C-alpha atoms as a PDB file:
ATOM      1  CA  UNK A   1     -98.938  -4.974 -41.222  1.00  0.00           C
ATOM      2  CA  UNK A   2     -99.619  -5.337 -37.442  1.00  0.00           C
ATOM      3  CA  UNK A   3     -98.472  -7.218 -34.065  1.00  0.00           C
ATOM      4  CA  UNK A   4     -94.651  -6.939 -34.599  1.00  0.00           C
ATOM      5  CA  UNK A   5     -92.227  -6.744 -31.403  1.00  0.00           C
ATOM      6  CA  UNK A   6     -88.961  -5.371 -31.556  1.00  0.00           C
ATOM      7  CA  UNK A   7     -86.246  -4.584 -28.783  1.00  0.00           C
ATOM      8  CA  UNK A   8     -83.844  -1.829 -28.452  1.00  0.00           C
ATOM      9  CA  UNK A   9     -80.569  -2.292 -26.573  1.00  0.00           C
ATOM     10  CA  UNK A  10     -79.833   1.502 -24.922  1.00  0.00           C
ATOM     11  CA  UNK A  11     -76.155   0.785 -23.958  1.00  0.00           C
ATOM     12  CA  UNK A  12     -75.800   3.897 -21.839  1.00  0.00           C
ATOM     13  CA  UNK A  13     -78.932   3.389 -20.053  1.00  0.00           C
ATOM     14  CA  UNK A  14     -78.888  -0.083 -19.285  1.00  0.00           C
ATOM     15  CA  UNK A  15     -82.069  -1.060 -20.538  1.00  0.00           C
ATOM     16  CA  UNK A  16     -84.138  -2.873 -23.207  1.00  0.00           C
ATOM     17  CA  UNK A  17     -86.877  -1.130 -24.613  1.00  0.00           C
ATOM     18  CA  UNK A  18     -89.806  -3.128 -26.101  1.00  0.00           C
ATOM     19  CA  UNK A  19     -91.413  -1.614 -29.416  1.00  0.00           C
ATOM     20  CA  UNK A  20     -94.720  -2.624 -30.972  1.00  0.00           C
ATOM     21  CA  UNK A  21     -95.165  -2.136 -34.913  1.00  0.00           C
ATOM     22  CA  UNK A  22     -98.728  -1.490 -35.368  1.00  0.00           C
ATOM     23  CA  UNK A  23     -99.254  -0.702 -39.105  1.00  0.00           C
ATOM     24  CA  UNK A  24     -96.778   2.323 -39.679  1.00  0.00           C
ATOM     25  CA  UNK A  25     -96.687   3.110 -36.310  1.00  0.00           C
ATOM     26  CA  UNK A  26     -94.117   2.782 -33.326  1.00  0.00           C
ATOM     27  CA  UNK A  27     -95.168   2.326 -29.699  1.00  0.00           C
ATOM     28  CA  UNK A  28     -93.067   1.860 -26.498  1.00  0.00           C
ATOM     29  CA  UNK A  29     -94.638  -1.021 -24.578  1.00  0.00           C
ATOM     30  CA  UNK A  30     -92.095  -1.471 -21.810  1.00  0.00           C
ATOM     31  CA  UNK A  31     -88.556  -0.569 -20.554  1.00  0.00           C
ATOM     32  CA  UNK A  32     -86.707  -3.553 -18.714  1.00  0.00           C
ATOM     33  CA  UNK A  33     -83.568  -2.648 -16.601  1.00  0.00           C
ATOM     34  CA  UNK A  34     -80.956  -5.159 -17.877  1.00  0.00           C
ATOM     35  CA  UNK A  35     -77.611  -3.765 -16.933  1.00  0.00           C
ATOM     36  CA  UNK A  36     -74.975  -1.027 -18.318  1.00  0.00           C
ATOM     37  CA  UNK A  37     -73.344  -1.860 -21.379  1.00  0.00           C
ATOM     38  CA  UNK A  38     -76.168  -3.906 -22.817  1.00  0.00           C
ATOM     39  CA  UNK A  39     -74.660  -3.608 -26.176  1.00  0.00           C
ATOM     40  CA  UNK A  40     -75.857  -6.511 -28.043  1.00  0.00           C
ATOM     41  CA  UNK A  41     -78.404  -9.305 -27.636  1.00  0.00           C
ATOM     42  CA  UNK A  42     -79.582 -12.384 -29.713  1.00  0.00           C
ATOM     43  CA  UNK A  43     -83.188 -13.801 -29.694  1.00  0.00           C
ATOM     44  CA  UNK A  44     -84.573 -17.227 -29.458  1.00  0.00           C
ATOM     45  CA  UNK A  45     -88.223 -16.394 -30.376  1.00  0.00           C
ATOM     46  CA  UNK A  46     -89.489 -20.264 -30.124  1.00  0.00           C
ATOM     47  CA  UNK A  47     -88.470 -20.274 -26.571  1.00  0.00           C
ATOM     48  CA  UNK A  48     -89.034 -16.490 -25.806  1.00  0.00           C
ATOM     49  CA  UNK A  49     -85.425 -16.040 -24.562  1.00  0.00           C
ATOM     50  CA  UNK A  50     -83.146 -13.091 -24.885  1.00  0.00           C
ATOM     51  CA  UNK A  51     -79.392 -13.528 -24.179  1.00  0.00           C
ATOM     52  CA  UNK A  52     -78.046  -9.939 -23.630  1.00  0.00           C
ATOM     53  CA  UNK A  53     -74.120  -9.065 -23.242  1.00  0.00           C
ATOM     54  CA  UNK A  54     -73.784  -6.699 -20.386  1.00  0.00           C
ATOM     55  CA  UNK A  55     -70.815  -4.825 -18.945  1.00  0.00           C
ATOM     56  CA  UNK A  56     -71.406  -3.906 -15.390  1.00  0.00           C
ATOM     57  CA  UNK A  57     -71.185  -5.165 -12.489  1.00  0.00           C
ATOM     58  CA  UNK A  58     -69.028  -7.278 -14.368  1.00  0.00           C
ATOM     59  CA  UNK A  59     -69.030  -8.799 -18.008  1.00  0.00           C
ATOM     60  CA  UNK A  60     -71.617 -11.416 -18.469  1.00  0.00           C
ATOM     61  CA  UNK A  61     -74.075 -13.174 -20.743  1.00  0.00           C
ATOM     62  CA  UNK A  62     -77.613 -12.460 -19.013  1.00  0.00           C
ATOM     63  CA  UNK A  63     -80.487 -14.761 -20.190  1.00  0.00           C
ATOM     64  CA  UNK A  64     -83.800 -13.107 -19.972  1.00  0.00           C
ATOM     65  CA  UNK A  65     -87.381 -14.413 -20.282  1.00  0.00           C
ATOM     66  CA  UNK A  66     -89.603 -12.258 -22.964  1.00  0.00           C
ATOM     67  CA  UNK A  67     -93.160 -12.010 -22.175  1.00  0.00           C
ATOM     68  CA  UNK A  68     -94.185 -11.512 -25.957  1.00  0.00           C
ATOM     69  CA  UNK A  69     -97.563  -9.814 -24.823  1.00  0.00           C
ATOM     70  CA  UNK A  70     -95.938  -7.093 -22.873  1.00  0.00           C
ATOM     71  CA  UNK A  71     -92.624  -7.032 -23.946  1.00  0.00           C
ATOM     72  CA  UNK A  72     -90.992  -7.090 -20.380  1.00  0.00           C
ATOM     73  CA  UNK A  73     -87.807  -9.287 -19.849  1.00  0.00           C
ATOM     74  CA  UNK A  74     -86.876 -10.989 -16.516  1.00  0.00           C
ATOM     75  CA  UNK A  75     -83.611 -12.303 -15.699  1.00  0.00           C
ATOM     76  CA  UNK A  76     -83.563 -16.160 -15.179  1.00  0.00           C
ATOM     77  CA  UNK A  77     -79.582 -16.660 -15.656  1.00  0.00           C
ATOM     78  CA  UNK A  78     -76.359 -15.354 -15.862  1.00  0.00           C
ATOM     79  CA  UNK A  79     -72.905 -16.627 -17.215  1.00  0.00           C
ATOM     80  CA  UNK A  80     -69.683 -14.603 -16.320  1.00  0.00           C
ATOM     81  CA  UNK A  81     -67.396 -13.751 -19.228  1.00  0.00           C
ATOM     82  CA  UNK A  82     -63.569 -12.508 -19.004  1.00  0.00           C
ATOM     83  CA  UNK A  83     -64.251  -9.415 -21.209  1.00  0.00           C
ATOM     84  CA  UNK A  84     -67.523  -7.337 -22.382  1.00  0.00           C
ATOM     85  CA  UNK A  85     -68.894  -8.795 -25.599  1.00  0.00           C
ATOM     86  CA  UNK A  86     -69.568  -6.446 -28.548  1.00  0.00           C
ATOM     87  CA  UNK A  87     -71.555  -9.076 -30.581  1.00  0.00           C
ATOM     88  CA  UNK A  88     -73.648 -12.206 -29.801  1.00  0.00           C
ATOM     89  CA  UNK A  89     -75.675 -14.584 -32.166  1.00  0.00           C
ATOM     90  CA  UNK A  90     -77.691 -17.739 -31.552  1.00  0.00           C
ATOM     91  CA  UNK A  91     -77.467 -21.270 -33.293  1.00  0.00           C
ATOM     92  CA  UNK A  92     -79.546 -24.167 -32.421  1.00  0.00           C
ATOM     93  CA  UNK A  93     -77.179 -25.834 -29.972  1.00  0.00           C
ATOM     94  CA  UNK A  94     -75.207 -22.693 -28.980  1.00  0.00           C
ATOM     95  CA  UNK A  95     -74.107 -19.164 -28.534  1.00  0.00           C
ATOM     96  CA  UNK A  96     -71.422 -17.371 -30.248  1.00  0.00           C
ATOM     97  CA  UNK A  97     -69.803 -14.206 -29.534  1.00  0.00           C
ATOM     98  CA  UNK A  98     -66.983 -11.549 -30.158  1.00  0.00           C
ATOM     99  CA  UNK A  99     -65.116  -9.555 -27.509  1.00  0.00           C
ATOM    100  CA  UNK A 100     -63.785  -6.422 -29.083  1.00  0.00           C
ATOM    101  CA  UNK A 101     -61.649  -5.245 -26.148  1.00  0.00           C
ATOM    102  CA  UNK A 102     -60.569  -8.763 -25.065  1.00  0.00           C
ATOM    103  CA  UNK A 103     -59.690  -9.854 -28.514  1.00  0.00           C
ATOM    104  CA  UNK A 104     -61.287 -13.287 -28.609  1.00  0.00           C
ATOM    105  CA  UNK A 105     -64.318 -15.250 -30.186  1.00  0.00           C
ATOM    106  CA  UNK A 106     -65.964 -17.916 -28.443  1.00  0.00           C
ATOM    107  CA  UNK A 107     -68.902 -20.141 -28.439  1.00  0.00           C
ATOM    108  CA  UNK A 108     -71.018 -21.532 -25.339  1.00  0.00           C
ATOM    109  CA  UNK A 109     -73.332 -24.604 -25.419  1.00  0.00           C
ATOM    110  CA  UNK A 110     -77.028 -24.028 -24.873  1.00  0.00           C
ATOM    111  CA  UNK A 111     -78.854 -26.630 -23.032  1.00  0.00           C
ATOM    112  CA  UNK A 112     -82.814 -26.445 -22.414  1.00  0.00           C
ATOM    113  CA  UNK A 113     -82.205 -22.652 -22.782  1.00  0.00           C
ATOM    114  CA  UNK A 114     -79.563 -22.342 -20.389  1.00  0.00           C
ATOM    115  CA  UNK A 115     -75.945 -20.945 -21.501  1.00  0.00           C
ATOM    116  CA  UNK A 116     -73.547 -23.354 -20.462  1.00  0.00           C
ATOM    117  CA  UNK A 117     -69.456 -23.995 -20.352  1.00  0.00           C
ATOM    118  CA  UNK A 118     -67.539 -22.143 -23.248  1.00  0.00           C
ATOM    119  CA  UNK A 119     -66.975 -24.959 -25.606  1.00  0.00           C
ATOM    120  CA  UNK A 120     -64.483 -22.975 -27.911  1.00  0.00           C
ATOM    121  CA  UNK A 121     -62.255 -19.992 -27.893  1.00  0.00           C
ATOM    122  CA  UNK A 122     -59.648 -18.232 -30.378  1.00  0.00           C
ATOM    123  CA  UNK A 123     -57.884 -15.015 -30.511  1.00  0.00           C
ATOM    124  CA  UNK A 124     -57.824 -12.080 -33.121  1.00  0.00           C
ATOM    125  CA  UNK A 125     -57.381  -8.610 -32.264  1.00  0.00           C
ATOM    126  CA  UNK A 126     -60.485  -6.300 -32.093  1.00  0.00           C
ATOM    127  CA  UNK A 127     -63.085  -8.781 -32.534  1.00  0.00           C
ATOM    128  CA  UNK A 128     -66.579  -6.833 -33.632  1.00  0.00           C
ATOM    129  CA  UNK A 129     -69.083  -9.482 -34.898  1.00  0.00           C
ATOM    130  CA  UNK A 130     -70.216 -12.977 -34.886  1.00  0.00           C
ATOM    131  CA  UNK A 131     -72.494 -14.640 -36.858  1.00  0.00           C
ATOM    132  CA  UNK A 132     -73.697 -17.537 -38.471  1.00  0.00           C
ATOM    133  CA  UNK A 133     -75.296 -18.725 -41.959  1.00  0.00           C
ATOM    134  CA  UNK A 134     -79.103 -19.205 -41.889  1.00  0.00           C
ATOM    135  CA  UNK A 135     -78.927 -23.082 -41.279  1.00  0.00           C
ATOM    136  CA  UNK A 136     -76.248 -22.878 -38.597  1.00  0.00           C
ATOM    137  CA  UNK A 137     -73.766 -24.746 -40.382  1.00  0.00           C
ATOM    138  CA  UNK A 138     -70.938 -22.174 -40.220  1.00  0.00           C
ATOM    139  CA  UNK A 139     -69.652 -19.360 -37.905  1.00  0.00           C
ATOM    140  CA  UNK A 140     -67.649 -16.162 -39.186  1.00  0.00           C
ATOM    141  CA  UNK A 141     -65.997 -13.939 -36.638  1.00  0.00           C
ATOM    142  CA  UNK A 142     -64.652 -10.434 -38.166  1.00  0.00           C
ATOM    143  CA  UNK A 143     -61.515  -9.024 -36.644  1.00  0.00           C
ATOM    144  CA  UNK A 144     -61.296  -5.260 -37.231  1.00  0.00           C
ATOM    145  CA  UNK A 145     -57.659  -4.952 -35.507  1.00  0.00           C
ATOM    146  CA  UNK A 146     -56.474  -7.810 -37.994  1.00  0.00           C
ATOM    147  CA  UNK A 147     -58.263  -6.875 -41.013  1.00  0.00           C
ATOM    148  CA  UNK A 148     -59.863 -10.564 -41.652  1.00  0.00           C
ATOM    149  CA  UNK A 149     -62.714 -12.643 -41.207  1.00  0.00           C
ATOM    150  CA  UNK A 150     -62.326 -16.103 -39.217  1.00  0.00           C
ATOM    151  CA  UNK A 151     -64.365 -18.791 -40.873  1.00  0.00           C
ATOM    152  CA  UNK A 152     -65.347 -22.031 -38.962  1.00  0.00           C
ATOM    153  CA  UNK A 153     -67.886 -24.746 -39.142  1.00  0.00           C
ATOM    154  CA  UNK A 154     -70.201 -25.532 -36.151  1.00  0.00           C
ATOM    155  CA  UNK A 155     -70.131 -28.845 -34.437  1.00  0.00           C
ATOM    156  CA  UNK A 156     -72.990 -30.273 -32.989  1.00  0.00           C
ATOM    157  CA  UNK A 157     -72.013 -29.196 -29.293  1.00  0.00           C
ATOM    158  CA  UNK A 158     -71.232 -25.838 -30.827  1.00  0.00           C
ATOM    159  CA  UNK A 159     -67.517 -26.285 -31.176  1.00  0.00           C
ATOM    160  CA  UNK A 160     -65.912 -24.253 -33.738  1.00  0.00           C
ATOM    161  CA  UNK A 161     -63.859 -26.110 -36.469  1.00  0.00           C
ATOM    162  CA  UNK A 162     -61.435 -24.010 -38.749  1.00  0.00           C
ATOM    163  CA  UNK A 163     -62.288 -24.232 -42.314  1.00  0.00           C
ATOM    164  CA  UNK A 164     -59.415 -25.492 -44.699  1.00  0.00           C
ATOM    165  CA  UNK A 165     -58.941 -21.512 -44.990  1.00  0.00           C
ATOM    166  CA  UNK A 166     -59.108 -20.306 -41.462  1.00  0.00           C
ATOM    167  CA  UNK A 167     -59.220 -16.404 -42.439  1.00  0.00           C
ATOM    168  CA  UNK A 168     -60.458 -14.347 -45.213  1.00  0.00           C
ATOM    169  CA  UNK A 169     -58.101 -10.995 -45.541  1.00  0.00           C
ATOM    170  CA  UNK A 170     -59.558  -7.647 -46.263  1.00  0.00           C
ATOM    171  CA  UNK A 171     -57.728  -4.799 -47.389  1.00  0.00           C
ATOM    172  CA  UNK A 172     -55.188  -3.472 -44.561  1.00  0.00           C
ATOM    173  CA  UNK A 173     -56.402  -0.549 -42.609  1.00  0.00           C
ATOM    174  CA  UNK A 174     -60.148  -0.760 -43.694  1.00  0.00           C
ATOM    175  CA  UNK A 175     -61.455  -1.828 -40.534  1.00  0.00           C
ATOM    176  CA  UNK A 176     -63.594  -4.632 -40.998  1.00  0.00           C
ATOM    177  CA  UNK A 177     -66.730  -4.312 -38.710  1.00  0.00           C
ATOM    178  CA  UNK A 178     -70.168  -6.435 -39.061  1.00  0.00           C
ATOM    179  CA  UNK A 179     -71.426  -8.938 -41.613  1.00  0.00           C
ATOM    180  CA  UNK A 180     -74.404 -10.252 -42.535  1.00  0.00           C
ATOM    181  CA  UNK A 181     -75.442 -13.105 -44.816  1.00  0.00           C
ATOM    182  CA  UNK A 182     -78.070 -13.833 -47.502  1.00  0.00           C
ATOM    183  CA  UNK A 183     -80.982 -16.213 -46.879  1.00  0.00           C
ATOM    184  CA  UNK A 184     -80.137 -18.451 -49.861  1.00  0.00           C
ATOM    185  CA  UNK A 185     -76.527 -18.926 -48.225  1.00  0.00           C
ATOM    186  CA  UNK A 186     -74.854 -17.613 -51.330  1.00  0.00           C
ATOM    187  CA  UNK A 187     -73.646 -14.242 -50.627  1.00  0.00           C
ATOM    188  CA  UNK A 188     -72.144 -12.583 -47.601  1.00  0.00           C
ATOM    189  CA  UNK A 189     -71.880  -8.742 -47.232  1.00  0.00           C
ATOM    190  CA  UNK A 190     -69.100  -6.899 -44.892  1.00  0.00           C
ATOM    191  CA  UNK A 191     -69.096  -2.873 -43.804  1.00  0.00           C
ATOM    192  CA  UNK A 192     -65.798  -1.507 -43.052  1.00  0.00           C
ATOM    193  CA  UNK A 193     -65.621   1.040 -40.560  1.00  0.00           C
ATOM    194  CA  UNK A 194     -62.578   3.116 -41.347  1.00  0.00           C
ATOM    195  CA  UNK A 195     -63.149   3.104 -45.304  1.00  0.00           C
ATOM    196  CA  UNK A 196     -67.048   2.650 -45.503  1.00  0.00           C
ATOM    197  CA  UNK A 197     -66.917   0.087 -47.866  1.00  0.00           C
ATOM    198  CA  UNK A 198     -69.494  -2.434 -48.553  1.00  0.00           C
ATOM    199  CA  UNK A 199     -67.800  -5.506 -49.592  1.00  0.00           C
ATOM    200  CA  UNK A 200     -69.574  -8.578 -51.037  1.00  0.00           C
ATOM    201  CA  UNK A 201     -68.215 -12.301 -50.628  1.00  0.00           C
ATOM    202  CA  UNK A 202     -69.250 -15.441 -52.449  1.00  0.00           C
ATOM    203  CA  UNK A 203     -69.867 -18.429 -50.126  1.00  0.00           C
ATOM    204  CA  UNK A 204     -69.027 -21.952 -51.134  1.00  0.00           C
ATOM    205  CA  UNK A 205     -71.132 -24.872 -50.154  1.00  0.00           C
ATOM    206  CA  UNK A 206     -68.778 -25.815 -47.424  1.00  0.00           C
ATOM    207  CA  UNK A 207     -68.952 -22.237 -46.139  1.00  0.00           C
ATOM    208  CA  UNK A 208     -65.624 -20.664 -47.603  1.00  0.00           C
ATOM    209  CA  UNK A 209     -65.612 -16.818 -48.245  1.00  0.00           C
ATOM    210  CA  UNK A 210     -64.244 -15.165 -51.436  1.00  0.00           C
ATOM    211  CA  UNK A 211     -63.875 -11.547 -51.901  1.00  0.00           C
ATOM    212  CA  UNK A 212     -65.492 -10.276 -54.641  1.00  0.00           C
ATOM    213  CA  UNK A 213     -66.972  -6.706 -55.708  1.00  0.00           C
ATOM    214  CA  UNK A 214     -67.127  -3.620 -53.428  1.00  0.00           C
ATOM    215  CA  UNK A 215     -68.790  -0.197 -53.395  1.00  0.00           C
ATOM    216  CA  UNK A 216     -68.510   3.034 -51.293  1.00  0.00           C
ATOM    217  CA  UNK A 217     -71.560   3.133 -48.530  1.00  0.00           C
ATOM    218  CA  UNK A 218     -71.324   6.529 -47.356  1.00  0.00           C
ATOM    219  CA  UNK A 219     -71.830   9.958 -48.556  1.00  0.00           C
ATOM    220  CA  UNK A 220     -69.118  10.293 -50.915  1.00  0.00           C
ATOM    221  CA  UNK A 221     -70.001  14.136 -51.316  1.00  0.00           C
ATOM    222  CA  UNK A 222     -69.441  15.036 -47.596  1.00  0.00           C
ATOM    223  CA  UNK A 223     -65.927  15.421 -47.647  1.00  0.00           C
ATOM    224  CA  UNK A 224     -65.312  12.361 -45.197  1.00  0.00           C
ATOM    225  CA  UNK A 225     -61.651  11.140 -44.929  1.00  0.00           C
ATOM    226  CA  UNK A 226     -60.339   7.695 -44.420  1.00  0.00           C
ATOM    227  CA  UNK A 227     -60.397   6.850 -40.551  1.00  0.00           C
ATOM    228  CA  UNK A 228     -57.872   4.647 -38.320  1.00  0.00           C
ATOM    229  CA  UNK A 229     -57.529   2.709 -35.192  1.00  0.00           C
ATOM    230  CA  UNK A 230     -57.413   5.347 -32.414  1.00  0.00           C
ATOM    231  CA  UNK A 231     -58.504   8.099 -34.334  1.00  0.00           C
ATOM    232  CA  UNK A 232     -61.659  10.475 -33.427  1.00  0.00           C
ATOM    233  CA  UNK A 233     -64.291  10.355 -36.347  1.00  0.00           C
ATOM    234  CA  UNK A 234     -65.927  13.407 -35.413  1.00  0.00           C
ATOM    235  CA  UNK A 235     -62.908  15.624 -34.563  1.00  0.00           C
ATOM    236  CA  UNK A 236     -61.362  14.763 -38.072  1.00  0.00           C
ATOM    237  CA  UNK A 237     -64.599  14.333 -40.016  1.00  0.00           C
ATOM    238  CA  UNK A 238     -63.654  10.810 -40.704  1.00  0.00           C
ATOM    239  CA  UNK A 239     -65.617   7.868 -42.189  1.00  0.00           C
ATOM    240  CA  UNK A 240     -67.346   5.883 -39.235  1.00  0.00           C
ATOM    241  CA  UNK A 241     -69.219   2.644 -40.934  1.00  0.00           C
ATOM    242  CA  UNK A 242     -70.907   0.784 -38.412  1.00  0.00           C
ATOM    243  CA  UNK A 243     -73.914  -1.549 -39.390  1.00  0.00           C
ATOM    244  CA  UNK A 244     -75.709  -3.312 -42.376  1.00  0.00           C
ATOM    245  CA  UNK A 245     -78.852  -5.516 -42.997  1.00  0.00           C
ATOM    246  CA  UNK A 246     -80.553  -6.752 -46.114  1.00  0.00           C
ATOM    247  CA  UNK A 247     -83.785  -5.213 -47.340  1.00  0.00           C
ATOM    248  CA  UNK A 248     -86.482  -5.131 -49.953  1.00  0.00           C
ATOM    249  CA  UNK A 249     -86.548  -9.277 -50.030  1.00  0.00           C
ATOM    250  CA  UNK A 250     -82.734  -9.084 -50.912  1.00  0.00           C
ATOM    251  CA  UNK A 251     -82.796  -6.365 -53.494  1.00  0.00           C
ATOM    252  CA  UNK A 252     -81.005  -3.737 -51.147  1.00  0.00           C
ATOM    253  CA  UNK A 253     -78.200  -3.715 -48.702  1.00  0.00           C
ATOM    254  CA  UNK A 254     -78.588  -1.152 -46.251  1.00  0.00           C
ATOM    255  CA  UNK A 255     -75.303   0.414 -44.461  1.00  0.00           C
ATOM    256  CA  UNK A 256     -75.006   3.015 -41.762  1.00  0.00           C
ATOM    257  CA  UNK A 257     -72.179   5.770 -41.545  1.00  0.00           C
ATOM    258  CA  UNK A 258     -72.290   7.745 -38.137  1.00  0.00           C
ATOM    259  CA  UNK A 259     -70.216  11.057 -38.579  1.00  0.00           C
ATOM    260  CA  UNK A 260     -72.446  11.925 -41.527  1.00  0.00           C
ATOM    261  CA  UNK A 261     -75.580  10.209 -39.768  1.00  0.00           C
ATOM    262  CA  UNK A 262     -76.827   8.451 -43.243  1.00  0.00           C
ATOM    263  CA  UNK A 263     -77.911   4.929 -44.253  1.00  0.00           C
ATOM    264  CA  UNK A 264     -77.065   4.089 -47.802  1.00  0.00           C
ATOM    265  CA  UNK A 265     -79.010   1.815 -49.694  1.00  0.00           C
ATOM    266  CA  UNK A 266     -76.713  -0.129 -52.170  1.00  0.00           C
ATOM    267  CA  UNK A 267     -78.993  -1.884 -54.827  1.00  0.00           C
ATOM    268  CA  UNK A 268     -78.112  -5.528 -55.480  1.00  0.00           C
ATOM    269  CA  UNK A 269     -78.729  -7.501 -58.824  1.00  0.00           C
ATOM    270  CA  UNK A 270     -80.794 -10.648 -59.076  1.00  0.00           C
ATOM    271  CA  UNK A 271     -77.749 -12.704 -58.118  1.00  0.00           C
ATOM    272  CA  UNK A 272     -77.098 -10.558 -54.887  1.00  0.00           C
ATOM    273  CA  UNK A 273     -74.174  -8.913 -56.407  1.00  0.00           C
ATOM    274  CA  UNK A 274     -73.317  -5.243 -55.545  1.00  0.00           C
ATOM    275  CA  UNK A 275     -74.017  -2.520 -58.183  1.00  0.00           C
ATOM    276  CA  UNK A 276     -72.660   0.983 -58.143  1.00  0.00           C
ATOM    277  CA  UNK A 277     -76.508   2.602 -57.731  1.00  0.00           C
ATOM    278  CA  UNK A 278     -76.400   3.820 -54.287  1.00  0.00           C
ATOM    279  CA  UNK A 279     -79.124   6.027 -52.303  1.00  0.00           C
ATOM    280  CA  UNK A 280     -77.845   8.173 -49.690  1.00  0.00           C
ATOM    281  CA  UNK A 281     -80.265   8.907 -46.751  1.00  0.00           C
ATOM    282  CA  UNK A 282     -80.060  11.170 -43.558  1.00  0.00           C
ATOM    283  CA  UNK A 283     -81.129   9.638 -40.475  1.00  0.00           C
ATOM    284  CA  UNK A 284     -80.979   9.524 -36.885  1.00  0.00           C
ATOM    285  CA  UNK A 285     -77.824  11.151 -35.055  1.00  0.00           C
ATOM    286  CA  UNK A 286     -75.152   8.689 -35.245  1.00  0.00           C
ATOM    287  CA  UNK A 287     -77.059   5.675 -36.309  1.00  0.00           C
ATOM    288  CA  UNK A 288     -74.984   2.621 -34.647  1.00  0.00           C
ATOM    289  CA  UNK A 289     -77.724  -0.170 -35.500  1.00  0.00           C
ATOM    290  CA  UNK A 290     -80.494  -0.737 -37.861  1.00  0.00           C
ATOM    291  CA  UNK A 291     -83.123  -3.510 -38.664  1.00  0.00           C
ATOM    292  CA  UNK A 292     -85.548  -4.711 -41.347  1.00  0.00           C
ATOM    293  CA  UNK A 293     -89.236  -6.052 -40.312  1.00  0.00           C
ATOM    294  CA  UNK A 294     -90.016  -9.483 -41.687  1.00  0.00           C
ATOM    295  CA  UNK A 295     -91.967  -7.875 -44.655  1.00  0.00           C
ATOM    296  CA  UNK A 296     -88.390  -6.437 -45.893  1.00  0.00           C
ATOM    297  CA  UNK A 297     -89.827  -2.984 -46.194  1.00  0.00           C
ATOM    298  CA  UNK A 298     -90.283  -1.094 -43.063  1.00  0.00           C
ATOM    299  CA  UNK A 299     -86.704  -0.435 -41.528  1.00  0.00           C
ATOM    300  CA  UNK A 300     -85.827   0.998 -37.962  1.00  0.00           C
ATOM    301  CA  UNK A 301     -82.714   3.033 -37.248  1.00  0.00           C
ATOM    302  CA  UNK A 302     -81.557   3.947 -33.592  1.00  0.00           C
ATOM    303  CA  UNK A 303     -79.325   6.803 -32.998  1.00  0.00           C
ATOM    304  CA  UNK A 304     -76.980   6.919 -30.175  1.00  0.00           C
ATOM    305  CA  UNK A 305     -76.919  10.615 -29.859  1.00  0.00           C
ATOM    306  CA  UNK A 306     -80.553  11.046 -30.219  1.00  0.00           C
ATOM    307  CA  UNK A 307     -81.682   8.431 -28.027  1.00  0.00           C
ATOM    308  CA  UNK A 308     -84.710   7.757 -30.383  1.00  0.00           C
ATOM    309  CA  UNK A 309     -85.666   5.020 -33.053  1.00  0.00           C
ATOM    310  CA  UNK A 310     -87.177   5.993 -36.347  1.00  0.00           C
ATOM    311  CA  UNK A 311     -89.326   4.240 -38.547  1.00  0.00           C
ATOM    312  CA  UNK A 312     -89.227   4.133 -42.326  1.00  0.00           C
ATOM    313  CA  UNK A 313     -90.592   2.635 -45.615  1.00  0.00           C
ATOM    314  CA  UNK A 314     -87.973   1.778 -47.986  1.00  0.00           C
ATOM    315  CA  UNK A 315     -89.012   2.892 -51.590  1.00  0.00           C
ATOM    316  CA  UNK A 316     -86.777   2.266 -54.268  1.00  0.00           C
ATOM    317  CA  UNK A 317     -83.747   2.662 -51.720  1.00  0.00           C
ATOM    318  CA  UNK A 318     -85.062   5.917 -50.126  1.00  0.00           C
ATOM    319  CA  UNK A 319     -86.189   5.859 -46.721  1.00  0.00           C
ATOM    320  CA  UNK A 320     -89.401   7.671 -46.108  1.00  0.00           C
ATOM    321  CA  UNK A 321     -89.818   8.336 -42.438  1.00  0.00           C
ATOM    322  CA  UNK A 322     -93.187   7.482 -40.706  1.00  0.00           C
ATOM    323  CA  UNK A 323     -92.694   7.637 -36.998  1.00  0.00           C
ATOM    324  CA  UNK A 324     -90.137   8.255 -34.399  1.00  0.00           C
ATOM    325  CA  UNK A 325     -89.974   7.312 -30.649  1.00  0.00           C
ATOM    326  CA  UNK A 326     -87.724   7.934 -27.646  1.00  0.00           C
ATOM    327  CA  UNK A 327     -86.015   4.647 -26.578  1.00  0.00           C
ATOM    328  CA  UNK A 328     -83.631   5.350 -23.889  1.00  0.00           C
ATOM    329  CA  UNK A 329     -80.048   6.503 -23.354  1.00  0.00           C
ATOM    330  CA  UNK A 330     -77.428   5.372 -25.900  1.00  0.00           C
ATOM    331  CA  UNK A 331     -79.556   3.173 -27.967  1.00  0.00           C
ATOM    332  CA  UNK A 332     -77.111   0.923 -30.556  1.00  0.00           C
ATOM    333  CA  UNK A 333     -78.598  -2.451 -31.017  1.00  0.00           C
ATOM    334  CA  UNK A 334     -82.135  -3.324 -32.478  1.00  0.00           C
ATOM    335  CA  UNK A 335     -83.768  -6.201 -33.547  1.00  0.00           C
ATOM    336  CA  UNK A 336     -87.045  -7.550 -34.480  1.00  0.00           C
ATOM    337  CA  UNK A 337     -88.357 -10.742 -32.342  1.00  0.00           C
END
């Protein structure tokens, strides 16, 4: 496997590092200055554009061109927003985003690569994720503060239209955080921050989610206790779930937990349902984000506290470390181009 480019957002350093995956080695190609708080970005590989949320000098969505050969990023546009964004995703005609501190989700029209006016907005407390299905027909926004997922259809201009069931509730106090959808459109998987659960949802043809089974996606033998809003997970040795990704051609769900610095691999059955077979892997200190290569086997995890990205090969749920490189200060977002 050669020639794969990935980007790492270094939140506290205000940079995005371009890494090259060559075989089973990582190499830093270039580090581009973007702006402090570059904590989420979405990529349009066809147009070689990256849309990145920054916090300073003021909250904004920055549009950058990507030189795929060098990995360098160049700012070509900026759209101010009211509050910093925690999550951005791209659709064929729009960006969708979630603001944790602002307590809102929104969509913006994209025309000829440029982020245009805001099309839709709604409010729920502590919005933490904004994702779409693989075909861009539905949008889902996760509210940690209200323990729910808001679900919409997406219009041709990027407008958000509530489904017949506008929200799906999860367990009060669980702190739903990030969501990922399966490639076959049938399943959605959620990670909770305060209880460290992986939860599966059935997805109907119209996009409605129905909660199904769940499993603990952290080290249950480490003595971690349930967390809650406003608590310090490190001081109290509390569960601190963060991110998740599908790997191994949809056979494994990988979930990060930051207090014990683990990635738990949850085995999925042939229908994509969660099983009780889990494998706990130690990884980078405070693993905020991870991503899986197109081959489904190579996994990259970034550590907020370590300032490094680690490369692994997934083998029956085990993450076998292959390489490790320094990326910058406070890496908390990583994606393959």
